Amino acid sequence: MTEISRFIEHTILKPDCTVAEVQRICEEAIAHQMGGVCVPPLYVRDARRVIGEESKIRVVTVVGFPMGYNAIAAKSEEIKRAIEDGADELDAVINIAAIKSGNWNYVQNDLDSMARATQMKGRLLKVILECGLLTEKEMIEVGRLAAEAEIPFVKTSTGMHGHPTTPEMVRFLKENMPAGMKIKAAGGIRTAADAQAMIAAGAERIGTSASLAILKG
């Protein structure tokens, strides 16, 4: 099971999480050599301090979370601040409301702005699609726009809207996203079998708060 650890981004995003809990997941990530930790923006500095500057463990935070309909300028500012605080990667929620309204120009501008804010600082952006709320056609179009903006990753879900990620979702993205696009599976992944199924379907990253249970098999 230790091989799975490198896929895992040990996650704590509940609204009432404390700095002590964030410190604990960072220490657990170090102990088990997980791929990263994913924490609220409030705690990026704390996570960076515990993880250290030279560690291979990534510090990840969220942007426009969990709804995605924040103003474009606000999302860009969130990204800039998170990077200043020490984030290596940003998981940003797509503007689902704009997608459902058919306002694809807005969606494109949103993606372009977030991509620029991230790429200027040499960091990595993942776009959270919220697959359970989008049609297949909408997911494909977001993937196309993300690829045009040179965004390397899509993520399946925030895990906050009642649509657990399935291997079928991951498989669909793997087969229908532009060539080279990577996938982070997140939302409802609780067991070793869940994680292995996501990896088999094509996920390169696993976001979960059940990391220790997964590693214990």
N, C-alpha and C. Protein backbone atom coordinates (compact mmCIF):
# COMPACT_ATOMS: atom_id res chain seq x y z
N MET A 1 0.81 -1.21 0.00
CA MET A 1 0.00 0.00 0.00
C MET A 1 0.85 1.27 0.00
N THR A 2 2.14 1.16 0.34
CA THR A 2 2.97 2.36 0.40
C THR A 2 3.06 3.05 -0.95
N GLU A 3 2.92 2.30 -2.04
CA GLU A 3 2.99 2.90 -3.37
C GLU A 3 1.86 3.89 -3.58
N ILE A 4 0.70 3.64 -3.00
CA ILE A 4 -0.44 4.54 -3.14
C ILE A 4 -0.17 5.88 -2.47
N SER A 5 0.69 5.90 -1.47
CA SER A 5 0.91 7.13 -0.70
C SER A 5 1.34 8.29 -1.58
N ARG A 6 2.11 8.00 -2.62
CA ARG A 6 2.59 9.10 -3.48
C ARG A 6 1.47 9.74 -4.31
N PHE A 7 0.36 9.02 -4.47
CA PHE A 7 -0.79 9.57 -5.18
C PHE A 7 -1.64 10.49 -4.29
N ILE A 8 -1.52 10.31 -3.00
CA ILE A 8 -2.48 10.92 -2.07
C ILE A 8 -2.12 12.36 -1.71
N GLU A 9 -3.14 13.24 -1.78
CA GLU A 9 -3.06 14.57 -1.20
C GLU A 9 -3.95 14.55 0.04
N HIS A 10 -3.32 14.45 1.18
CA HIS A 10 -3.98 14.30 2.49
C HIS A 10 -4.76 15.60 2.75
N THR A 11 -6.07 15.49 2.89
CA THR A 11 -6.94 16.66 2.78
C THR A 11 -7.73 16.94 4.05
N ILE A 12 -7.79 18.23 4.40
CA ILE A 12 -8.70 18.68 5.44
C ILE A 12 -9.29 20.02 4.99
N LEU A 13 -10.57 20.02 4.64
CA LEU A 13 -11.23 21.22 4.13
C LEU A 13 -12.57 21.49 4.82
N LYS A 14 -12.83 20.79 5.92
CA LYS A 14 -14.09 21.02 6.63
C LYS A 14 -14.09 22.44 7.20
N PRO A 15 -15.27 23.07 7.30
CA PRO A 15 -15.31 24.49 7.68
C PRO A 15 -14.85 24.79 9.10
N ASP A 16 -14.86 23.79 9.98
CA ASP A 16 -14.49 24.04 11.37
C ASP A 16 -13.13 23.46 11.73
N CYS A 17 -12.29 23.21 10.72
CA CYS A 17 -10.98 22.62 11.02
C CYS A 17 -10.10 23.62 11.75
N THR A 18 -9.21 23.10 12.57
CA THR A 18 -8.34 23.94 13.40
C THR A 18 -6.89 23.86 12.94
N VAL A 19 -6.09 24.78 13.43
CA VAL A 19 -4.67 24.77 13.09
C VAL A 19 -4.00 23.51 13.62
N ALA A 20 -4.47 23.01 14.77
CA ALA A 20 -3.89 21.78 15.31
C ALA A 20 -4.17 20.59 14.39
N GLU A 21 -5.37 20.54 13.80
CA GLU A 21 -5.70 19.45 12.88
C GLU A 21 -4.86 19.55 11.61
N VAL A 22 -4.64 20.76 11.14
CA VAL A 22 -3.80 20.95 9.95
C VAL A 22 -2.37 20.51 10.24
N GLN A 23 -1.86 20.87 11.39
CA GLN A 23 -0.51 20.42 11.77
C GLN A 23 -0.45 18.90 11.81
N ARG A 24 -1.49 18.27 12.34
CA ARG A 24 -1.51 16.80 12.43
C ARG A 24 -1.47 16.16 11.06
N ILE A 25 -2.29 16.65 10.10
CA ILE A 25 -2.28 16.00 8.78
C ILE A 25 -0.95 16.22 8.06
N CYS A 26 -0.31 17.35 8.34
CA CYS A 26 1.01 17.58 7.74
C CYS A 26 2.02 16.58 8.30
N GLU A 27 1.97 16.37 9.61
CA GLU A 27 2.87 15.40 10.23
C GLU A 27 2.60 13.99 9.73
N GLU A 28 1.33 13.65 9.53
CA GLU A 28 0.98 12.34 8.99
C GLU A 28 1.48 12.18 7.56
N ALA A 29 1.36 13.26 6.77
CA ALA A 29 1.84 13.21 5.39
C ALA A 29 3.34 12.99 5.34
N ILE A 30 4.06 13.62 6.27
CA ILE A 30 5.51 13.44 6.33
C ILE A 30 5.84 12.01 6.74
N ALA A 31 5.14 11.51 7.75
CA ALA A 31 5.42 10.18 8.28
C ALA A 31 5.19 9.09 7.23
N HIS A 32 4.17 9.29 6.38
CA HIS A 32 3.82 8.28 5.39
C HIS A 32 4.28 8.65 3.97
N GLN A 33 5.02 9.76 3.86
CA GLN A 33 5.55 10.22 2.58
C GLN A 33 4.46 10.29 1.51
N MET A 34 3.37 10.98 1.86
CA MET A 34 2.29 11.21 0.89
C MET A 34 2.72 12.26 -0.13
N GLY A 35 1.94 12.33 -1.21
CA GLY A 35 2.29 13.26 -2.27
C GLY A 35 2.09 14.72 -1.90
N GLY A 36 1.09 14.98 -1.03
CA GLY A 36 0.81 16.36 -0.67
C GLY A 36 -0.20 16.46 0.44
N VAL A 37 -0.43 17.71 0.87
CA VAL A 37 -1.52 18.02 1.79
C VAL A 37 -2.37 19.09 1.11
N CYS A 38 -3.68 19.04 1.36
CA CYS A 38 -4.59 20.05 0.81
C CYS A 38 -5.33 20.68 1.98
N VAL A 39 -5.11 21.98 2.17
CA VAL A 39 -5.61 22.68 3.35
C VAL A 39 -6.33 23.97 2.95
N PRO A 40 -7.16 24.53 3.82
CA PRO A 40 -7.80 25.82 3.53
C PRO A 40 -6.76 26.93 3.37
N PRO A 41 -7.09 27.97 2.62
CA PRO A 41 -6.16 29.09 2.43
C PRO A 41 -5.67 29.69 3.76
N LEU A 42 -6.52 29.71 4.76
CA LEU A 42 -6.15 30.26 6.06
C LEU A 42 -4.91 29.60 6.64
N TYR A 43 -4.71 28.32 6.31
CA TYR A 43 -3.67 27.53 6.96
C TYR A 43 -2.48 27.21 6.06
N VAL A 44 -2.37 27.86 4.92
CA VAL A 44 -1.25 27.56 4.02
C VAL A 44 0.09 27.85 4.68
N ARG A 45 0.22 28.98 5.35
CA ARG A 45 1.48 29.31 6.02
C ARG A 45 1.84 28.26 7.08
N ASP A 46 0.83 27.82 7.82
CA ASP A 46 1.08 26.82 8.86
C ASP A 46 1.53 25.50 8.23
N ALA A 47 0.87 25.10 7.15
CA ALA A 47 1.25 23.86 6.47
C ALA A 47 2.66 23.96 5.91
N ARG A 48 2.97 25.09 5.32
CA ARG A 48 4.31 25.28 4.75
C ARG A 48 5.37 25.17 5.83
N ARG A 49 5.09 25.75 6.98
CA ARG A 49 6.06 25.71 8.08
C ARG A 49 6.33 24.29 8.54
N VAL A 50 5.26 23.48 8.66
CA VAL A 50 5.42 22.10 9.12
C VAL A 50 6.07 21.23 8.05
N ILE A 51 5.62 21.38 6.82
CA ILE A 51 6.15 20.56 5.72
C ILE A 51 7.60 20.92 5.42
N GLY A 52 7.92 22.21 5.51
CA GLY A 52 9.28 22.66 5.23
C GLY A 52 9.44 23.12 3.79
N GLU A 53 10.46 23.88 3.57
CA GLU A 53 10.69 24.49 2.25
C GLU A 53 11.26 23.51 1.24
N GLU A 54 12.01 22.53 1.69
CA GLU A 54 12.72 21.64 0.77
C GLU A 54 12.02 20.31 0.55
N SER A 55 10.91 20.09 1.21
CA SER A 55 10.22 18.80 1.12
C SER A 55 9.62 18.58 -0.27
N LYS A 56 9.55 17.33 -0.67
CA LYS A 56 8.87 16.96 -1.92
C LYS A 56 7.36 16.89 -1.76
N ILE A 57 6.89 16.96 -0.51
CA ILE A 57 5.45 16.93 -0.25
C ILE A 57 4.84 18.28 -0.62
N ARG A 58 3.84 18.26 -1.48
CA ARG A 58 3.26 19.49 -2.00
C ARG A 58 2.26 20.10 -1.01
N VAL A 59 2.29 21.41 -0.89
CA VAL A 59 1.27 22.14 -0.14
C VAL A 59 0.24 22.66 -1.15
N VAL A 60 -0.99 22.17 -1.01
CA VAL A 60 -2.06 22.49 -1.95
C VAL A 60 -3.16 23.24 -1.19
N THR A 61 -3.79 24.21 -1.84
CA THR A 61 -4.95 24.86 -1.25
C THR A 61 -6.02 25.08 -2.33
N VAL A 62 -7.16 25.59 -1.89
CA VAL A 62 -8.31 25.71 -2.79
C VAL A 62 -8.62 27.18 -3.09
N VAL A 63 -9.28 27.38 -4.23
CA VAL A 63 -9.62 28.72 -4.72
C VAL A 63 -11.09 28.70 -5.17
N GLY A 64 -11.84 29.74 -4.81
CA GLY A 64 -13.24 29.80 -5.19
C GLY A 64 -14.04 28.65 -4.62
N PHE A 65 -13.65 28.18 -3.47
CA PHE A 65 -14.17 26.94 -2.89
C PHE A 65 -15.32 27.23 -1.93
N PRO A 66 -16.41 26.45 -1.98
CA PRO A 66 -16.65 25.30 -2.87
C PRO A 66 -17.59 25.58 -4.04
N MET A 67 -18.07 26.82 -4.18
CA MET A 67 -19.12 27.11 -5.18
C MET A 67 -18.58 27.48 -6.56
N GLY A 68 -17.47 28.22 -6.60
CA GLY A 68 -16.85 28.55 -7.87
C GLY A 68 -17.32 29.82 -8.52
N TYR A 69 -18.36 30.46 -7.97
CA TYR A 69 -18.91 31.63 -8.67
C TYR A 69 -18.36 32.97 -8.14
N ASN A 70 -17.22 32.93 -7.48
CA ASN A 70 -16.53 34.15 -7.08
C ASN A 70 -16.14 34.96 -8.32
N ALA A 71 -15.98 36.27 -8.13
CA ALA A 71 -15.55 37.13 -9.23
C ALA A 71 -14.17 36.70 -9.72
N ILE A 72 -13.92 36.91 -11.01
CA ILE A 72 -12.63 36.52 -11.60
C ILE A 72 -11.47 37.19 -10.85
N ALA A 73 -11.60 38.48 -10.59
CA ALA A 73 -10.52 39.19 -9.90
C ALA A 73 -10.28 38.63 -8.50
N ALA A 74 -11.36 38.21 -7.84
CA ALA A 74 -11.23 37.65 -6.50
C ALA A 74 -10.47 36.33 -6.53
N LYS A 75 -10.76 35.50 -7.52
CA LYS A 75 -10.05 34.22 -7.64
C LYS A 75 -8.56 34.45 -7.90
N SER A 76 -8.26 35.38 -8.77
CA SER A 76 -6.85 35.68 -9.06
C SER A 76 -6.12 36.17 -7.82
N GLU A 77 -6.79 37.00 -7.03
CA GLU A 77 -6.18 37.50 -5.80
C GLU A 77 -5.99 36.38 -4.80
N GLU A 78 -6.95 35.46 -4.72
CA GLU A 78 -6.80 34.29 -3.84
C GLU A 78 -5.55 33.49 -4.22
N ILE A 79 -5.36 33.31 -5.52
CA ILE A 79 -4.20 32.55 -6.00
C ILE A 79 -2.90 33.26 -5.62
N LYS A 80 -2.84 34.56 -5.86
CA LYS A 80 -1.63 35.32 -5.56
C LYS A 80 -1.29 35.24 -4.07
N ARG A 81 -2.31 35.40 -3.23
CA ARG A 81 -2.07 35.35 -1.79
C ARG A 81 -1.63 33.97 -1.33
N ALA A 82 -2.27 32.94 -1.87
CA ALA A 82 -1.91 31.56 -1.49
C ALA A 82 -0.47 31.24 -1.87
N ILE A 83 -0.04 31.71 -3.03
CA ILE A 83 1.34 31.48 -3.46
C ILE A 83 2.31 32.23 -2.54
N GLU A 84 1.97 33.46 -2.19
CA GLU A 84 2.81 34.22 -1.25
C GLU A 84 2.93 33.50 0.09
N ASP A 85 1.86 32.82 0.49
CA ASP A 85 1.85 32.12 1.77
C ASP A 85 2.59 30.78 1.71
N GLY A 86 2.90 30.30 0.49
CA GLY A 86 3.69 29.09 0.37
C GLY A 86 3.05 27.93 -0.35
N ALA A 87 1.93 28.16 -1.04
CA ALA A 87 1.27 27.06 -1.76
C ALA A 87 2.07 26.67 -3.00
N ASP A 88 2.16 25.36 -3.23
CA ASP A 88 2.78 24.84 -4.44
C ASP A 88 1.76 24.67 -5.56
N GLU A 89 0.53 24.31 -5.18
CA GLU A 89 -0.51 24.02 -6.16
C GLU A 89 -1.84 24.61 -5.69
N LEU A 90 -2.69 24.96 -6.67
CA LEU A 90 -3.99 25.54 -6.40
C LEU A 90 -5.07 24.71 -7.06
N ASP A 91 -6.08 24.32 -6.28
CA ASP A 91 -7.25 23.60 -6.81
C ASP A 91 -8.41 24.59 -6.87
N ALA A 92 -8.77 25.03 -8.07
CA ALA A 92 -9.74 26.11 -8.24
C ALA A 92 -11.05 25.60 -8.84
N VAL A 93 -12.16 25.99 -8.22
CA VAL A 93 -13.47 25.56 -8.69
C VAL A 93 -13.87 26.38 -9.91
N ILE A 94 -14.28 25.67 -10.96
CA ILE A 94 -14.77 26.33 -12.16
C ILE A 94 -16.08 27.06 -11.85
N ASN A 95 -16.41 28.09 -12.63
CA ASN A 95 -17.67 28.82 -12.41
C ASN A 95 -18.82 28.02 -13.00
N ILE A 96 -19.40 27.15 -12.17
CA ILE A 96 -20.47 26.26 -12.63
C ILE A 96 -21.69 27.07 -13.04
N ALA A 97 -21.98 28.14 -12.32
CA ALA A 97 -23.14 28.97 -12.65
C ALA A 97 -23.02 29.55 -14.06
N ALA A 98 -21.81 30.00 -14.42
CA ALA A 98 -21.60 30.55 -15.76
C ALA A 98 -21.75 29.47 -16.83
N ILE A 99 -21.27 28.26 -16.52
CA ILE A 99 -21.43 27.14 -17.46
C ILE A 99 -22.89 26.86 -17.70
N LYS A 100 -23.67 26.77 -16.62
CA LYS A 100 -25.09 26.45 -16.75
C LYS A 100 -25.88 27.55 -17.45
N SER A 101 -25.34 28.77 -17.43
CA SER A 101 -25.98 29.88 -18.15
C SER A 101 -25.51 29.97 -19.60
N GLY A 102 -24.58 29.09 -19.99
CA GLY A 102 -24.06 29.11 -21.35
C GLY A 102 -23.11 30.26 -21.63
N ASN A 103 -22.57 30.86 -20.57
CA ASN A 103 -21.69 32.02 -20.73
C ASN A 103 -20.24 31.53 -20.83
N TRP A 104 -19.92 30.97 -21.97
CA TRP A 104 -18.61 30.35 -22.16
C TRP A 104 -17.49 31.37 -22.27
N ASN A 105 -17.79 32.59 -22.71
CA ASN A 105 -16.76 33.63 -22.72
C ASN A 105 -16.30 33.93 -21.30
N TYR A 106 -17.25 33.97 -20.37
CA TYR A 106 -16.89 34.22 -18.97
C TYR A 106 -16.05 33.06 -18.44
N VAL A 107 -16.46 31.84 -18.74
CA VAL A 107 -15.72 30.66 -18.29
C VAL A 107 -14.28 30.70 -18.80
N GLN A 108 -14.13 31.05 -20.08
CA GLN A 108 -12.79 31.13 -20.67
C GLN A 108 -11.95 32.21 -19.98
N ASN A 109 -12.55 33.37 -19.73
CA ASN A 109 -11.82 34.45 -19.06
C ASN A 109 -11.42 34.05 -17.64
N ASP A 110 -12.32 33.34 -16.97
CA ASP A 110 -12.05 32.85 -15.62
C ASP A 110 -10.84 31.92 -15.63
N LEU A 111 -10.84 30.97 -16.54
CA LEU A 111 -9.73 30.02 -16.65
C LEU A 111 -8.43 30.72 -17.03
N ASP A 112 -8.50 31.60 -18.01
CA ASP A 112 -7.29 32.31 -18.46
C ASP A 112 -6.67 33.12 -17.34
N SER A 113 -7.53 33.82 -16.56
CA SER A 113 -7.03 34.66 -15.48
C SER A 113 -6.37 33.82 -14.39
N MET A 114 -7.01 32.71 -14.01
CA MET A 114 -6.42 31.85 -12.98
C MET A 114 -5.14 31.21 -13.46
N ALA A 115 -5.12 30.82 -14.73
CA ALA A 115 -3.91 30.21 -15.28
C ALA A 115 -2.75 31.19 -15.27
N ARG A 116 -2.99 32.43 -15.68
CA ARG A 116 -1.93 33.43 -15.69
C ARG A 116 -1.39 33.68 -14.29
N ALA A 117 -2.30 33.83 -13.33
CA ALA A 117 -1.88 34.12 -11.95
C ALA A 117 -1.02 33.00 -11.39
N THR A 118 -1.31 31.77 -11.80
CA THR A 118 -0.56 30.61 -11.31
C THR A 118 0.76 30.45 -12.06
N GLN A 119 0.70 30.53 -13.38
CA GLN A 119 1.88 30.27 -14.21
C GLN A 119 2.94 31.34 -14.03
N MET A 120 2.53 32.58 -13.76
CA MET A 120 3.51 33.66 -13.56
C MET A 120 4.44 33.37 -12.38
N LYS A 121 3.94 32.60 -11.43
CA LYS A 121 4.74 32.27 -10.24
C LYS A 121 5.28 30.85 -10.29
N GLY A 122 5.12 30.18 -11.43
CA GLY A 122 5.68 28.85 -11.59
C GLY A 122 4.99 27.79 -10.76
N ARG A 123 3.70 27.99 -10.45
CA ARG A 123 2.95 27.02 -9.67
C ARG A 123 1.99 26.25 -10.58
N LEU A 124 1.34 25.24 -10.01
CA LEU A 124 0.47 24.35 -10.79
C LEU A 124 -0.98 24.56 -10.40
N LEU A 125 -1.85 24.62 -11.42
CA LEU A 125 -3.29 24.83 -11.23
C LEU A 125 -4.06 23.57 -11.61
N LYS A 126 -5.01 23.20 -10.75
CA LYS A 126 -5.98 22.15 -11.09
C LYS A 126 -7.36 22.80 -11.12
N VAL A 127 -8.15 22.48 -12.12
CA VAL A 127 -9.50 23.02 -12.22
C VAL A 127 -10.50 21.98 -11.70
N ILE A 128 -11.29 22.36 -10.71
CA ILE A 128 -12.30 21.45 -10.16
C ILE A 128 -13.57 21.57 -10.99
N LEU A 129 -13.94 20.46 -11.62
CA LEU A 129 -15.09 20.45 -12.54
C LEU A 129 -16.43 20.30 -11.83
N GLU A 130 -16.47 19.57 -10.73
CA GLU A 130 -17.73 19.15 -10.09
C GLU A 130 -18.55 18.31 -11.06
N CYS A 131 -18.00 17.14 -11.38
CA CYS A 131 -18.57 16.28 -12.43
C CYS A 131 -20.04 15.93 -12.21
N GLY A 132 -20.44 15.78 -10.95
CA GLY A 132 -21.82 15.40 -10.67
C GLY A 132 -22.84 16.46 -11.05
N LEU A 133 -22.38 17.69 -11.30
CA LEU A 133 -23.29 18.78 -11.66
C LEU A 133 -23.21 19.15 -13.15
N LEU A 134 -22.27 18.58 -13.88
CA LEU A 134 -22.06 18.94 -15.28
C LEU A 134 -22.47 17.81 -16.21
N THR A 135 -22.88 18.18 -17.41
CA THR A 135 -23.13 17.18 -18.45
C THR A 135 -21.81 16.77 -19.08
N GLU A 136 -21.84 15.68 -19.81
CA GLU A 136 -20.62 15.24 -20.50
C GLU A 136 -20.14 16.31 -21.47
N LYS A 137 -21.07 16.90 -22.20
CA LYS A 137 -20.70 17.95 -23.16
C LYS A 137 -20.04 19.13 -22.46
N GLU A 138 -20.58 19.52 -21.30
CA GLU A 138 -20.00 20.64 -20.55
C GLU A 138 -18.60 20.30 -20.05
N MET A 139 -18.40 19.09 -19.57
CA MET A 139 -17.07 18.70 -19.10
C MET A 139 -16.06 18.73 -20.24
N ILE A 140 -16.45 18.26 -21.38
CA ILE A 140 -15.55 18.24 -22.54
C ILE A 140 -15.17 19.66 -22.94
N GLU A 141 -16.15 20.57 -22.92
CA GLU A 141 -15.86 21.95 -23.30
C GLU A 141 -14.93 22.62 -22.28
N VAL A 142 -15.14 22.37 -20.99
CA VAL A 142 -14.24 22.92 -19.98
C VAL A 142 -12.82 22.38 -20.19
N GLY A 143 -12.72 21.09 -20.49
CA GLY A 143 -11.41 20.50 -20.76
C GLY A 143 -10.71 21.16 -21.92
N ARG A 144 -11.47 21.45 -22.95
CA ARG A 144 -10.88 22.11 -24.14
C ARG A 144 -10.35 23.49 -23.77
N LEU A 145 -11.17 24.27 -23.03
CA LEU A 145 -10.75 25.62 -22.64
C LEU A 145 -9.57 25.58 -21.67
N ALA A 146 -9.58 24.60 -20.77
CA ALA A 146 -8.47 24.47 -19.83
C ALA A 146 -7.17 24.16 -20.56
N ALA A 147 -7.25 23.29 -21.57
CA ALA A 147 -6.06 22.96 -22.35
C ALA A 147 -5.54 24.18 -23.10
N GLU A 148 -6.45 24.99 -23.64
CA GLU A 148 -6.04 26.21 -24.33
C GLU A 148 -5.31 27.16 -23.38
N ALA A 149 -5.72 27.16 -22.11
CA ALA A 149 -5.08 28.01 -21.11
C ALA A 149 -3.84 27.35 -20.51
N GLU A 150 -3.48 26.17 -21.01
CA GLU A 150 -2.31 25.41 -20.55
C GLU A 150 -2.43 25.02 -19.08
N ILE A 151 -3.64 24.68 -18.67
CA ILE A 151 -3.89 24.15 -17.33
C ILE A 151 -3.71 22.64 -17.39
N PRO A 152 -2.84 22.07 -16.57
CA PRO A 152 -2.45 20.68 -16.75
C PRO A 152 -3.36 19.64 -16.08
N PHE A 153 -4.22 20.07 -15.16
CA PHE A 153 -4.99 19.12 -14.36
C PHE A 153 -6.46 19.51 -14.30
N VAL A 154 -7.33 18.49 -14.31
CA VAL A 154 -8.71 18.68 -13.89
C VAL A 154 -8.94 17.80 -12.67
N LYS A 155 -9.84 18.25 -11.80
CA LYS A 155 -10.19 17.54 -10.58
C LYS A 155 -11.68 17.24 -10.61
N THR A 156 -12.06 16.09 -10.11
CA THR A 156 -13.44 15.62 -10.30
C THR A 156 -14.47 16.36 -9.47
N SER A 157 -14.11 16.78 -8.24
CA SER A 157 -15.15 17.24 -7.32
C SER A 157 -14.55 18.00 -6.15
N THR A 158 -15.37 18.86 -5.55
CA THR A 158 -15.01 19.47 -4.27
C THR A 158 -15.26 18.52 -3.11
N GLY A 159 -16.15 17.54 -3.33
CA GLY A 159 -16.57 16.66 -2.25
C GLY A 159 -17.61 17.29 -1.34
N MET A 160 -18.13 18.46 -1.75
CA MET A 160 -19.04 19.21 -0.88
C MET A 160 -20.49 19.23 -1.36
N HIS A 161 -20.78 18.66 -2.51
CA HIS A 161 -22.10 18.83 -3.10
C HIS A 161 -22.87 17.52 -3.29
N GLY A 162 -22.48 16.48 -2.58
CA GLY A 162 -23.27 15.26 -2.58
C GLY A 162 -23.16 14.39 -3.80
N HIS A 163 -22.05 14.52 -4.54
CA HIS A 163 -21.83 13.68 -5.73
C HIS A 163 -20.47 13.01 -5.62
N PRO A 164 -20.37 11.90 -4.91
CA PRO A 164 -19.07 11.22 -4.76
C PRO A 164 -18.47 10.86 -6.11
N THR A 165 -17.17 10.98 -6.19
CA THR A 165 -16.46 10.59 -7.41
C THR A 165 -16.52 9.09 -7.61
N THR A 166 -16.68 8.67 -8.85
CA THR A 166 -16.71 7.26 -9.20
C THR A 166 -15.60 6.95 -10.20
N PRO A 167 -15.21 5.68 -10.31
CA PRO A 167 -14.24 5.32 -11.35
C PRO A 167 -14.75 5.66 -12.75
N GLU A 168 -16.06 5.59 -12.94
CA GLU A 168 -16.64 5.93 -14.25
C GLU A 168 -16.40 7.39 -14.60
N MET A 169 -16.50 8.28 -13.62
CA MET A 169 -16.20 9.70 -13.85
C MET A 169 -14.75 9.87 -14.29
N VAL A 170 -13.86 9.22 -13.56
CA VAL A 170 -12.43 9.33 -13.88
C VAL A 170 -12.16 8.78 -15.27
N ARG A 171 -12.75 7.65 -15.56
CA ARG A 171 -12.54 7.01 -16.86
C ARG A 171 -13.06 7.91 -18.00
N PHE A 172 -14.21 8.54 -17.78
CA PHE A 172 -14.74 9.45 -18.79
C PHE A 172 -13.77 10.60 -19.05
N LEU A 173 -13.25 11.19 -17.98
CA LEU A 173 -12.31 12.28 -18.15
C LEU A 173 -11.05 11.82 -18.87
N LYS A 174 -10.55 10.65 -18.48
CA LYS A 174 -9.33 10.13 -19.10
C LYS A 174 -9.51 9.94 -20.60
N GLU A 175 -10.70 9.52 -21.00
CA GLU A 175 -10.96 9.23 -22.41
C GLU A 175 -11.36 10.47 -23.21
N ASN A 176 -11.80 11.54 -22.52
CA ASN A 176 -12.38 12.67 -23.25
C ASN A 176 -11.69 14.01 -23.04
N MET A 177 -10.78 14.10 -22.08
CA MET A 177 -10.04 15.34 -21.92
C MET A 177 -8.94 15.42 -22.99
N PRO A 178 -8.46 16.62 -23.29
CA PRO A 178 -7.38 16.75 -24.27
C PRO A 178 -6.16 15.93 -23.90
N ALA A 179 -5.40 15.56 -24.89
CA ALA A 179 -4.20 14.73 -24.67
C ALA A 179 -3.27 15.38 -23.66
N GLY A 180 -2.80 14.60 -22.72
CA GLY A 180 -1.86 15.10 -21.71
C GLY A 180 -2.50 15.66 -20.46
N MET A 181 -3.82 15.88 -20.47
CA MET A 181 -4.50 16.41 -19.29
C MET A 181 -4.51 15.35 -18.19
N LYS A 182 -4.11 15.75 -16.99
CA LYS A 182 -4.07 14.82 -15.86
C LYS A 182 -5.31 14.98 -14.99
N ILE A 183 -5.56 13.97 -14.15
CA ILE A 183 -6.81 13.92 -13.39
C ILE A 183 -6.51 13.73 -11.91
N LYS A 184 -7.15 14.55 -11.09
CA LYS A 184 -7.17 14.34 -9.65
C LYS A 184 -8.57 13.89 -9.27
N ALA A 185 -8.67 12.74 -8.63
CA ALA A 185 -9.95 12.22 -8.15
C ALA A 185 -10.12 12.61 -6.69
N ALA A 186 -11.27 13.21 -6.37
CA ALA A 186 -11.54 13.61 -4.99
C ALA A 186 -13.04 13.61 -4.75
N GLY A 187 -13.41 13.32 -3.51
CA GLY A 187 -14.81 13.32 -3.14
C GLY A 187 -15.33 11.92 -2.89
N GLY A 188 -15.44 11.54 -1.62
CA GLY A 188 -16.01 10.25 -1.26
C GLY A 188 -15.07 9.07 -1.38
N ILE A 189 -13.78 9.31 -1.50
CA ILE A 189 -12.81 8.21 -1.61
C ILE A 189 -12.37 7.85 -0.20
N ARG A 190 -12.86 6.68 0.28
CA ARG A 190 -12.72 6.37 1.70
C ARG A 190 -11.90 5.10 1.98
N THR A 191 -11.75 4.24 1.00
CA THR A 191 -11.09 2.95 1.25
C THR A 191 -9.95 2.71 0.27
N ALA A 192 -9.14 1.72 0.59
CA ALA A 192 -8.05 1.33 -0.32
C ALA A 192 -8.61 0.88 -1.66
N ALA A 193 -9.72 0.16 -1.64
CA ALA A 193 -10.34 -0.30 -2.88
C ALA A 193 -10.80 0.88 -3.72
N ASP A 194 -11.38 1.91 -3.06
CA ASP A 194 -11.78 3.13 -3.78
C ASP A 194 -10.58 3.76 -4.48
N ALA A 195 -9.51 3.94 -3.73
CA ALA A 195 -8.32 4.60 -4.27
C ALA A 195 -7.73 3.81 -5.42
N GLN A 196 -7.62 2.50 -5.25
CA GLN A 196 -7.06 1.67 -6.31
C GLN A 196 -7.92 1.71 -7.56
N ALA A 197 -9.25 1.78 -7.39
CA ALA A 197 -10.15 1.86 -8.54
C ALA A 197 -9.95 3.17 -9.29
N MET A 198 -9.75 4.25 -8.56
CA MET A 198 -9.54 5.56 -9.20
C MET A 198 -8.23 5.57 -9.98
N ILE A 199 -7.19 5.01 -9.39
CA ILE A 199 -5.89 4.96 -10.06
C ILE A 199 -5.97 4.09 -11.31
N ALA A 200 -6.66 2.96 -11.20
CA ALA A 200 -6.83 2.07 -12.35
C ALA A 200 -7.60 2.75 -13.47
N ALA A 201 -8.53 3.63 -13.10
CA ALA A 201 -9.34 4.34 -14.10
C ALA A 201 -8.57 5.48 -14.76
N GLY A 202 -7.43 5.88 -14.16
CA GLY A 202 -6.61 6.90 -14.80
C GLY A 202 -6.24 8.10 -13.94
N ALA A 203 -6.59 8.09 -12.66
CA ALA A 203 -6.26 9.23 -11.80
C ALA A 203 -4.78 9.26 -11.47
N GLU A 204 -4.19 10.46 -11.55
CA GLU A 204 -2.78 10.64 -11.15
C GLU A 204 -2.66 11.15 -9.73
N ARG A 205 -3.72 11.70 -9.18
CA ARG A 205 -3.74 12.18 -7.81
C ARG A 205 -5.04 11.73 -7.14
N ILE A 206 -4.99 11.54 -5.82
CA ILE A 206 -6.15 11.20 -5.02
C ILE A 206 -6.26 12.21 -3.89
N GLY A 207 -7.37 12.93 -3.84
CA GLY A 207 -7.62 13.84 -2.73
C GLY A 207 -8.58 13.18 -1.75
N THR A 208 -8.16 13.03 -0.49
CA THR A 208 -9.00 12.34 0.49
C THR A 208 -8.63 12.73 1.90
N SER A 209 -9.64 12.72 2.78
CA SER A 209 -9.38 12.91 4.21
C SER A 209 -9.22 11.58 4.91
N ALA A 210 -9.44 10.48 4.18
CA ALA A 210 -9.34 9.13 4.75
C ALA A 210 -8.02 8.46 4.42
N SER A 211 -6.97 9.24 4.30
CA SER A 211 -5.68 8.75 3.84
C SER A 211 -5.13 7.60 4.67
N LEU A 212 -5.20 7.75 6.00
CA LEU A 212 -4.61 6.71 6.85
C LEU A 212 -5.36 5.39 6.73
N ALA A 213 -6.69 5.45 6.64
CA ALA A 213 -7.47 4.24 6.44
C ALA A 213 -7.13 3.57 5.12
N ILE A 214 -6.91 4.38 4.10
CA ILE A 214 -6.55 3.84 2.79
C ILE A 214 -5.18 3.16 2.85
N LEU A 215 -4.23 3.80 3.50
CA LEU A 215 -2.88 3.24 3.57
C LEU A 215 -2.81 1.97 4.42
N LYS A 216 -3.74 1.87 5.37
CA LYS A 216 -3.81 0.66 6.19
C LYS A 216 -4.54 -0.47 5.47
N GLY A 217 -5.15 -0.16 4.33
CA GLY A 217 -5.81 -1.18 3.53
C GLY A 217 -7.18 -1.56 4.04
